[in-house]
Amino acid sequence: MIGVICKDAGGAEIISSYIRNNKINAIFCLENPAINIFKRKKIKFVNNSLKNVIEKSDWILTGTSPIRKKEIKGIIESKKINKKCVSFIDSWVNYKERFLYNGKLFLPDEIWTGDIYALKLAKKTFKNNKIILKYNPYFSEIKNTIKIYKKKNYYSLKKNILFIAAPISNYFHNNKNVKILNFFLFKIKKINFNYEKIIFRPHPSQNNLNKLSIFLKKLNSRIILSNNSNLFIDIKKCNYVFGSNSTALVVASFFNKKVYNIVPKQFNLRNYLPYKKINNFENLL
């Protein structure tokens, strides 16, 4: 019996696919946005407390997040009773921050990575830990599903832009991700980039969508807030996809869309996505 602890969307996508593909018997402690992801994939679960999951399982499997600490609490509580704990890293950025809690580093017994790039980065970051390559089950599902979606017509307007957003908070003003969005809007206006609509896809953890929609309209009247839970359909509707170090950009590249990673140097950002099909936004300018 595996105890699954998930809150962050990225980790939930991978772990839900891993559970479904391997038909694993599990007990769950989930919080949104993970709950919605497991429901979307039609994985049956009964939600339990963190304590119950750790006590009743044979070992623990968690996602990771540099922001949310639900998964780290699972690691900490597992270690207290010497229960084996494994964490599946879903990205290529902020590895150490994913295991920090109150300034201290709490590492699981094993770290799983989804590709050779993540494996090398994890081994470099955590030199004394057991790192295992488990080919990304979420990406495997995506590649199979894309074959179906490529045949469907979702009234694709070729000049539409899909903007993949990171979480926007702080009343939508001084947030770093708002600055990236403003940078993007300023630059495409400056180069007269030809487009009709910007479909803004909020992060799964985003709150205050009504307020966000009003805020976006003030920035640019051609921005439409996506209310679609299906990332694939949003990608199909657009010919261009933009974002900042988002795993969803990798998914868009599987569709052979024109994908651009926005990593302005003035924000101390660099490209963490190790996929050749993903272009640097600066090369478009």
Protein backbone atom coordinates (compact mmCIF):
# COMPACT_ATOMS: atom_id res chain seq x y z
CA MET A 1 0.00 0.00 0.00
CA ILE A 2 1.47 3.32 -1.12
CA GLY A 3 0.66 6.50 0.78
CA VAL A 4 0.28 9.35 -1.71
CA ILE A 5 0.72 12.94 -0.52
CA CYS A 6 0.09 15.66 -3.11
CA LYS A 7 -0.87 19.30 -3.29
CA ASP A 8 1.23 20.88 -6.06
CA ALA A 9 -0.16 20.56 -9.59
CA GLY A 10 3.07 19.44 -11.27
CA GLY A 11 3.68 16.60 -8.86
CA ALA A 12 0.02 15.60 -8.97
CA GLU A 13 0.10 15.26 -12.76
CA ILE A 14 3.04 12.86 -12.64
CA ILE A 15 1.96 10.83 -9.60
CA SER A 16 -1.65 10.46 -10.76
CA SER A 17 -0.38 9.11 -14.10
CA TYR A 18 2.03 6.79 -12.28
CA ILE A 19 -0.78 5.45 -10.07
CA ARG A 20 -3.17 4.99 -13.00
CA ASN A 21 -0.68 3.40 -15.40
CA ASN A 22 0.60 0.92 -12.83
CA LYS A 23 -2.80 0.18 -11.23
CA ILE A 24 -1.36 0.81 -7.80
CA ASN A 25 -3.25 0.32 -4.55
CA ALA A 26 -2.90 3.56 -2.62
CA ILE A 27 -4.21 5.64 0.25
CA PHE A 28 -4.38 9.37 -0.39
CA CYS A 29 -3.85 12.70 1.31
CA LEU A 30 -4.60 15.33 -1.34
CA GLU A 31 -5.27 19.05 -1.42
CA ASN A 32 -6.21 21.25 -4.36
CA PRO A 33 -5.07 21.65 -7.06
CA ALA A 34 -4.06 17.97 -6.76
CA ILE A 35 -7.64 16.90 -5.90
CA ASN A 36 -8.97 18.33 -9.17
CA ILE A 37 -6.22 16.65 -11.18
CA PHE A 38 -6.94 13.21 -9.70
CA LYS A 39 -10.67 13.74 -10.33
CA ARG A 40 -10.05 14.82 -13.93
CA LYS A 41 -8.12 11.61 -14.53
CA LYS A 42 -10.99 9.64 -12.97
CA ILE A 43 -8.83 8.13 -10.24
CA LYS A 44 -11.05 6.99 -7.39
CA PHE A 45 -9.83 8.05 -3.97
CA VAL A 46 -10.96 8.71 -0.43
CA ASN A 47 -9.11 11.59 1.12
CA ASN A 48 -7.37 10.91 4.44
CA SER A 49 -5.44 12.93 6.96
CA LEU A 50 -1.68 13.12 6.68
CA LYS A 51 -1.36 11.09 9.88
CA ASN A 52 -3.59 8.25 8.62
CA VAL A 53 -1.81 8.00 5.30
CA ILE A 54 1.61 7.74 6.91
CA GLU A 55 0.49 5.23 9.56
CA LYS A 56 -1.51 2.93 7.23
CA SER A 57 0.83 2.80 4.24
CA ASP A 58 3.90 0.65 3.60
CA TRP A 59 5.79 3.57 2.09
CA ILE A 60 5.16 7.18 1.05
CA LEU A 61 5.18 8.82 -2.38
CA THR A 62 5.02 12.63 -2.57
CA GLY A 63 5.17 15.36 -5.16
CA THR A 64 7.39 18.39 -4.61
CA SER A 65 6.96 22.15 -4.65
CA PRO A 66 9.23 25.15 -4.01
CA ILE A 67 6.19 27.04 -2.64
CA ARG A 68 3.67 24.71 -1.00
CA LYS A 69 4.86 22.67 1.96
CA LYS A 70 2.23 19.93 2.23
CA GLU A 71 4.59 17.41 0.65
CA ILE A 72 7.51 18.37 2.90
CA LYS A 73 5.35 17.87 5.97
CA GLY A 74 4.73 14.36 4.69
CA ILE A 75 8.48 13.76 4.41
CA ILE A 76 9.09 15.11 7.91
CA GLU A 77 6.36 12.99 9.52
CA SER A 78 7.49 9.87 7.63
CA LYS A 79 11.03 10.27 8.90
CA LYS A 80 9.78 10.50 12.48
CA ILE A 81 8.59 6.89 12.31
CA ASN A 82 11.30 5.66 9.90
CA LYS A 83 8.79 5.11 7.10
CA LYS A 84 10.36 4.97 3.62
CA CYS A 85 9.58 8.12 1.65
CA VAL A 86 10.03 8.81 -2.07
CA SER A 87 9.52 12.15 -3.84
CA PHE A 88 8.91 12.53 -7.58
CA ILE A 89 10.38 15.77 -8.95
CA ASP A 90 8.29 17.13 -11.82
CA SER A 91 10.43 19.93 -13.21
CA TRP A 92 13.98 21.21 -13.80
CA VAL A 93 14.09 24.20 -11.50
CA ASN A 94 14.40 25.08 -7.77
CA TYR A 95 15.40 21.59 -6.69
CA LYS A 96 16.82 22.49 -3.29
CA GLU A 97 13.94 24.88 -2.52
CA ARG A 98 11.49 22.00 -2.96
CA PHE A 99 12.80 20.38 0.22
CA LEU A 100 13.30 23.44 2.42
CA TYR A 101 11.06 24.00 5.43
CA ASN A 102 11.72 26.84 7.88
CA GLY A 103 15.23 27.14 6.48
CA LYS A 104 16.07 23.45 6.96
CA LEU A 105 16.55 20.80 4.29
CA PHE A 106 14.37 17.66 4.60
CA LEU A 107 15.16 15.06 1.96
CA PRO A 108 13.28 11.79 1.32
CA ASP A 109 14.94 8.39 1.16
CA GLU A 110 14.73 8.41 -2.64
CA ILE A 111 14.22 11.06 -5.30
CA TRP A 112 12.65 10.06 -8.62
CA THR A 113 13.20 12.08 -11.79
CA GLY A 114 11.33 11.90 -15.08
CA ASP A 115 14.10 12.30 -17.68
CA ILE A 116 17.88 12.26 -18.06
CA TYR A 117 18.11 16.06 -17.75
CA ALA A 118 16.35 16.04 -14.39
CA LEU A 119 18.43 13.03 -13.32
CA LYS A 120 21.72 14.87 -13.96
CA LEU A 121 20.49 17.99 -12.20
CA ALA A 122 19.25 16.05 -9.17
CA LYS A 123 22.54 14.14 -8.87
CA LYS A 124 24.44 17.40 -9.03
CA THR A 125 22.20 19.04 -6.41
CA PHE A 126 21.82 16.08 -4.00
CA LYS A 127 25.18 14.30 -4.22
CA ASN A 128 24.65 11.96 -1.28
CA ASN A 129 21.08 10.87 -1.99
CA LYS A 130 19.59 7.98 -3.93
CA ILE A 131 18.35 9.34 -7.28
CA ILE A 132 16.37 7.09 -9.62
CA LEU A 133 15.23 7.66 -13.21
CA LYS A 134 11.55 6.85 -13.73
CA TYR A 135 10.56 7.98 -17.21
CA ASN A 136 7.87 10.61 -16.85
CA PRO A 137 4.51 8.76 -16.86
CA TYR A 138 2.63 12.02 -17.43
CA PHE A 139 4.59 12.74 -20.62
CA SER A 140 4.03 9.17 -21.81
CA GLU A 141 0.27 9.64 -21.41
CA ILE A 142 0.42 12.99 -23.18
CA LYS A 143 2.21 11.60 -26.23
CA ASN A 144 -0.41 8.88 -26.59
CA THR A 145 -3.29 11.32 -26.11
CA ILE A 146 -1.88 13.86 -28.58
CA LYS A 147 -2.47 11.40 -31.42
CA ILE A 148 -6.21 11.69 -30.70
CA TYR A 149 -6.29 15.47 -30.24
CA LYS A 150 -4.33 16.16 -33.41
CA LYS A 151 -7.23 14.67 -35.39
CA LYS A 152 -9.82 16.95 -33.76
CA ASN A 153 -10.69 20.46 -34.84
CA TYR A 154 -11.16 22.88 -31.95
CA TYR A 155 -11.91 25.91 -34.13
CA SER A 156 -8.21 26.73 -34.07
CA LEU A 157 -7.47 30.34 -34.95
CA LYS A 158 -3.91 30.22 -36.15
CA LYS A 159 -3.11 33.71 -34.90
CA ASN A 160 -4.16 33.02 -31.33
CA ILE A 161 -1.58 33.13 -28.55
CA LEU A 162 -1.72 30.85 -25.52
CA PHE A 163 -0.05 32.34 -22.45
CA ILE A 164 0.76 29.73 -19.78
CA ALA A 165 0.70 31.55 -16.46
CA ALA A 166 2.49 30.95 -13.19
CA PRO A 167 0.58 31.83 -10.00
CA ILE A 168 -0.36 35.52 -9.80
CA SER A 169 -1.04 36.94 -6.35
CA ASN A 170 -0.17 40.01 -4.29
CA TYR A 171 -3.32 41.71 -5.61
CA PHE A 172 -1.95 41.25 -9.14
CA HIS A 173 0.57 44.10 -9.08
CA ASN A 174 4.06 43.55 -7.66
CA ASN A 175 4.06 39.82 -8.25
CA LYS A 176 7.07 38.59 -10.27
CA ASN A 177 4.79 36.73 -12.67
CA VAL A 178 2.83 39.93 -13.39
CA LYS A 179 6.13 41.59 -14.29
CA ILE A 180 6.87 38.75 -16.73
CA LEU A 181 3.40 39.16 -18.27
CA ASN A 182 3.88 42.92 -18.63
CA PHE A 183 7.30 42.34 -20.18
CA PHE A 184 5.73 39.93 -22.68
CA LEU A 185 2.88 42.31 -23.59
CA PHE A 186 5.26 45.24 -24.02
CA LYS A 187 7.62 43.31 -26.28
CA ILE A 188 5.01 41.81 -28.60
CA LYS A 189 3.49 45.26 -29.00
CA LYS A 190 6.89 46.75 -29.75
CA ILE A 191 7.65 44.24 -32.52
CA ASN A 192 4.07 44.39 -33.88
CA PHE A 193 3.55 40.68 -33.36
CA ASN A 194 0.53 39.65 -35.44
CA TYR A 195 -2.12 37.95 -33.31
CA GLU A 196 -5.87 38.06 -32.72
CA LYS A 197 -6.45 36.91 -29.13
CA ILE A 198 -4.33 35.96 -26.12
CA ILE A 199 -5.81 32.99 -24.28
CA PHE A 200 -4.50 33.36 -20.74
CA ARG A 201 -4.36 29.99 -19.01
CA PRO A 202 -4.18 30.51 -15.23
CA HIS A 203 -2.11 28.27 -13.01
CA PRO A 204 -4.20 25.44 -11.44
CA SER A 205 -3.63 26.94 -7.98
CA GLN A 206 -4.85 30.41 -9.00
CA ASN A 207 -7.59 31.99 -6.90
CA ASN A 208 -9.80 35.05 -7.53
CA LEU A 209 -10.40 34.29 -11.22
CA ASN A 210 -13.07 36.97 -11.59
CA LYS A 211 -10.74 39.59 -10.21
CA LEU A 212 -7.93 38.25 -12.38
CA SER A 213 -10.10 38.49 -15.51
CA ILE A 214 -10.86 42.17 -14.84
CA PHE A 215 -7.18 42.85 -14.18
CA LEU A 216 -6.13 41.18 -17.45
CA LYS A 217 -8.68 43.14 -19.51
CA LYS A 218 -7.17 46.37 -18.19
CA LEU A 219 -3.73 45.22 -19.34
CA ASN A 220 -4.87 44.22 -22.82
CA SER A 221 -8.41 44.12 -24.22
CA ARG A 222 -7.55 41.11 -26.38
CA ILE A 223 -6.76 38.83 -23.40
CA ILE A 224 -9.29 36.06 -22.76
CA LEU A 225 -9.14 34.14 -19.48
CA SER A 226 -9.35 30.42 -20.20
CA ASN A 227 -11.94 28.49 -18.19
CA ASN A 228 -10.95 25.22 -19.80
CA SER A 229 -9.60 22.48 -17.53
CA ASN A 230 -8.12 20.65 -20.52
CA LEU A 231 -4.65 21.95 -21.41
CA PHE A 232 -4.65 20.05 -24.71
CA ILE A 233 -7.70 21.91 -26.03
CA ASP A 234 -6.19 25.29 -25.15
CA ILE A 235 -3.01 24.32 -26.98
CA LYS A 236 -5.00 23.18 -30.02
CA LYS A 237 -6.76 26.56 -30.23
CA CYS A 238 -3.49 28.44 -30.67
CA ASN A 239 -0.52 28.54 -32.96
CA TYR A 240 1.84 30.24 -30.52
CA VAL A 241 2.49 29.31 -26.89
CA PHE A 242 4.35 31.49 -24.38
CA GLY A 243 5.24 31.04 -20.73
CA SER A 244 8.10 31.13 -18.26
CA ASN A 245 9.83 27.84 -17.39
CA SER A 246 6.48 26.03 -17.29
CA THR A 247 6.23 22.28 -17.85
CA ALA A 248 3.15 23.06 -19.96
CA LEU A 249 5.53 24.56 -22.54
CA VAL A 250 7.08 21.11 -22.91
CA VAL A 251 3.61 19.67 -23.46
CA ALA A 252 2.92 22.31 -26.14
CA SER A 253 6.18 21.40 -27.88
CA PHE A 254 4.90 17.82 -28.26
CA PHE A 255 2.09 19.32 -30.38
CA ASN A 256 4.72 20.91 -32.65
CA LYS A 257 3.48 24.39 -31.80
CA LYS A 258 5.73 27.46 -31.89
CA VAL A 259 6.74 27.63 -28.22
CA TYR A 260 8.67 30.43 -26.52
CA ASN A 261 10.12 30.56 -23.01
CA ILE A 262 10.09 34.04 -21.44
CA VAL A 263 13.17 34.34 -19.21
CA PRO A 264 14.20 38.02 -19.01
CA LYS A 265 17.74 38.50 -17.72
CA GLN A 266 16.68 41.59 -15.77
CA PHE A 267 14.51 39.32 -13.61
CA ASN A 268 17.47 37.00 -12.96
CA LEU A 269 15.82 34.20 -14.95
CA ARG A 270 17.35 31.61 -17.22
CA ASN A 271 15.96 28.84 -19.39
CA TYR A 272 15.55 25.65 -17.35
CA LEU A 273 13.63 23.69 -19.98
CA PRO A 274 16.00 21.23 -21.69
CA TYR A 275 14.03 20.81 -24.91
CA LYS A 276 15.37 22.03 -28.26
CA LYS A 277 11.90 22.72 -29.67
CA ILE A 278 11.32 25.41 -27.04
CA ASN A 279 12.65 28.79 -28.21
CA ASN A 280 13.99 31.61 -26.11
CA PHE A 281 11.60 34.58 -26.27
CA GLU A 282 14.53 36.95 -26.78
CA ASN A 283 15.24 35.30 -30.13
CA LEU A 284 11.83 36.50 -31.34
CA LEU A 285 12.60 40.13 -30.54
